[in-house]
């Protein structure tokens, strides 16, 4: 399972990328999760200030 990012809600703040232990998230115009690197820790869901990340 890889988390889903709502690109309409994502503000590209980078909080999710900062908390990711595997550096699986990159941020440009919005956050993007690399499914091959994501370990499903779900830290990013709790860290997102705008609730743009879901399971």
N, C-alpha and C. Protein backbone atom coordinates (compact mmCIF):
# COMPACT_ATOMS: atom_id res chain seq x y z
N UNK A 1 0.85 -1.18 0.00
CA UNK A 1 0.00 0.00 0.00
C UNK A 1 0.89 1.24 0.00
N UNK A 2 0.56 2.17 -0.82
CA UNK A 2 1.27 3.45 -0.85
C UNK A 2 0.26 4.54 -0.53
N UNK A 3 0.68 5.52 0.26
CA UNK A 3 -0.22 6.61 0.60
C UNK A 3 -0.60 7.39 -0.66
N UNK A 4 -1.72 8.08 -0.58
CA UNK A 4 -2.20 8.89 -1.70
C UNK A 4 -2.11 10.36 -1.31
N UNK A 5 -1.67 11.16 -2.27
CA UNK A 5 -1.55 12.59 -2.05
C UNK A 5 -2.61 13.30 -2.90
N UNK A 6 -3.43 14.10 -2.26
CA UNK A 6 -4.42 14.91 -2.97
C UNK A 6 -3.70 16.15 -3.47
N UNK A 7 -3.39 16.17 -4.76
CA UNK A 7 -2.58 17.28 -5.30
C UNK A 7 -3.32 18.61 -5.29
N UNK A 8 -4.64 18.56 -5.19
CA UNK A 8 -5.41 19.81 -5.10
C UNK A 8 -5.31 20.41 -3.70
N UNK A 9 -5.08 19.59 -2.69
CA UNK A 9 -4.97 20.05 -1.31
C UNK A 9 -3.53 20.29 -0.88
N UNK A 10 -2.59 19.58 -1.48
CA UNK A 10 -1.18 19.69 -1.09
C UNK A 10 -0.66 21.10 -1.34
N UNK A 11 -0.01 21.66 -0.32
CA UNK A 11 0.55 23.01 -0.43
C UNK A 11 2.07 22.99 -0.68
N UNK A 12 2.63 21.80 -0.86
CA UNK A 12 4.07 21.63 -1.13
C UNK A 12 4.93 22.20 0.00
N UNK A 13 4.46 22.05 1.24
CA UNK A 13 5.21 22.59 2.38
C UNK A 13 6.45 21.76 2.70
N UNK A 14 6.44 20.47 2.33
CA UNK A 14 7.60 19.62 2.56
C UNK A 14 7.64 18.92 3.90
N UNK A 15 6.62 19.11 4.73
CA UNK A 15 6.61 18.46 6.05
C UNK A 15 6.64 16.94 5.92
N UNK A 16 5.94 16.40 4.96
CA UNK A 16 5.90 14.95 4.76
C UNK A 16 7.27 14.42 4.34
N UNK A 17 7.94 15.14 3.46
CA UNK A 17 9.27 14.73 3.00
C UNK A 17 10.28 14.79 4.14
N UNK A 18 10.14 15.79 5.00
CA UNK A 18 11.06 15.94 6.12
C UNK A 18 10.93 14.79 7.12
N UNK A 19 9.73 14.26 7.31
CA UNK A 19 9.48 13.21 8.31
C UNK A 19 9.71 11.81 7.76
N UNK A 20 9.77 11.66 6.45
CA UNK A 20 9.87 10.34 5.83
C UNK A 20 11.24 9.69 6.11
N UNK A 21 11.24 8.53 6.79
CA UNK A 21 12.52 7.90 7.14
C UNK A 21 13.25 7.27 5.96
N UNK A 22 12.56 7.07 4.85
CA UNK A 22 13.17 6.44 3.68
C UNK A 22 13.40 7.40 2.52
N UNK A 23 13.16 8.68 2.74
CA UNK A 23 13.28 9.70 1.67
C UNK A 23 12.47 9.29 0.43
N UNK A 24 11.27 8.77 0.68
CA UNK A 24 10.40 8.31 -0.41
C UNK A 24 9.52 9.40 -0.97
N UNK A 25 9.57 10.59 -0.38
CA UNK A 25 8.70 11.68 -0.82
C UNK A 25 9.55 12.82 -1.35
N UNK A 26 9.21 13.28 -2.54
CA UNK A 26 9.84 14.47 -3.10
C UNK A 26 8.75 15.52 -3.27
N UNK A 27 9.16 16.77 -3.24
CA UNK A 27 8.20 17.87 -3.34
C UNK A 27 8.67 18.86 -4.39
N UNK A 28 7.77 19.16 -5.31
CA UNK A 28 7.99 20.21 -6.30
C UNK A 28 6.75 21.09 -6.24
N UNK A 29 5.85 20.96 -7.20
CA UNK A 29 4.57 21.67 -7.14
C UNK A 29 3.65 21.04 -6.10
N UNK A 30 3.87 19.75 -5.83
CA UNK A 30 3.15 19.00 -4.82
C UNK A 30 3.99 17.79 -4.45
N UNK A 31 3.63 17.12 -3.38
CA UNK A 31 4.38 15.95 -2.93
C UNK A 31 4.12 14.76 -3.83
N UNK A 32 5.15 13.94 -4.00
CA UNK A 32 5.05 12.71 -4.79
C UNK A 32 5.74 11.60 -3.99
N UNK A 33 5.06 10.44 -3.90
CA UNK A 33 5.59 9.31 -3.16
C UNK A 33 6.16 8.28 -4.12
N UNK A 34 7.38 7.84 -3.88
CA UNK A 34 8.01 6.78 -4.65
C UNK A 34 7.58 5.45 -4.03
N UNK A 35 6.73 4.72 -4.72
CA UNK A 35 6.16 3.47 -4.20
C UNK A 35 7.24 2.43 -3.90
N UNK A 36 8.34 2.48 -4.62
CA UNK A 36 9.41 1.50 -4.39
C UNK A 36 10.17 1.76 -3.09
N UNK A 37 10.14 2.99 -2.62
CA UNK A 37 10.86 3.34 -1.39
C UNK A 37 9.96 3.39 -0.16
N UNK A 38 8.68 3.63 -0.36
CA UNK A 38 7.74 3.78 0.76
C UNK A 38 7.62 2.48 1.55
N UNK A 39 7.75 2.59 2.89
CA UNK A 39 7.64 1.42 3.76
C UNK A 39 6.33 1.41 4.55
N UNK A 40 5.39 2.25 4.17
CA UNK A 40 4.06 2.31 4.80
C UNK A 40 4.11 2.63 6.29
N UNK A 41 5.01 3.46 6.71
CA UNK A 41 5.07 3.84 8.12
C UNK A 41 3.94 4.80 8.49
N UNK A 42 3.44 5.52 7.50
CA UNK A 42 2.31 6.45 7.63
C UNK A 42 2.63 7.70 8.45
N UNK A 43 3.89 7.95 8.72
CA UNK A 43 4.28 9.17 9.44
C UNK A 43 3.82 10.43 8.70
N UNK A 44 3.84 10.38 7.40
CA UNK A 44 3.49 11.54 6.59
C UNK A 44 2.03 11.96 6.77
N UNK A 45 1.16 10.98 7.01
CA UNK A 45 -0.27 11.30 7.19
C UNK A 45 -0.46 12.19 8.41
N UNK A 46 0.17 11.84 9.50
CA UNK A 46 0.04 12.63 10.73
C UNK A 46 0.74 13.98 10.61
N UNK A 47 1.78 14.05 9.81
CA UNK A 47 2.58 15.27 9.71
C UNK A 47 1.95 16.33 8.78
N UNK A 48 1.13 15.90 7.84
CA UNK A 48 0.57 16.84 6.86
C UNK A 48 -0.38 17.84 7.52
N UNK A 49 -0.06 19.13 7.43
CA UNK A 49 -0.88 20.15 8.12
C UNK A 49 -2.23 20.42 7.43
N UNK A 50 -2.37 19.97 6.18
CA UNK A 50 -3.63 20.22 5.46
C UNK A 50 -4.40 18.95 5.14
N UNK A 51 -3.98 17.84 5.75
CA UNK A 51 -4.65 16.53 5.55
C UNK A 51 -4.78 16.15 4.08
N UNK A 52 -3.71 16.37 3.33
CA UNK A 52 -3.72 16.04 1.90
C UNK A 52 -3.25 14.61 1.63
N UNK A 53 -2.85 13.88 2.69
CA UNK A 53 -2.32 12.53 2.51
C UNK A 53 -3.25 11.53 3.21
N UNK A 54 -3.60 10.48 2.46
CA UNK A 54 -4.46 9.43 3.01
C UNK A 54 -3.89 8.06 2.65
N UNK A 55 -4.45 7.03 3.30
CA UNK A 55 -4.05 5.65 2.99
C UNK A 55 -4.71 5.21 1.72
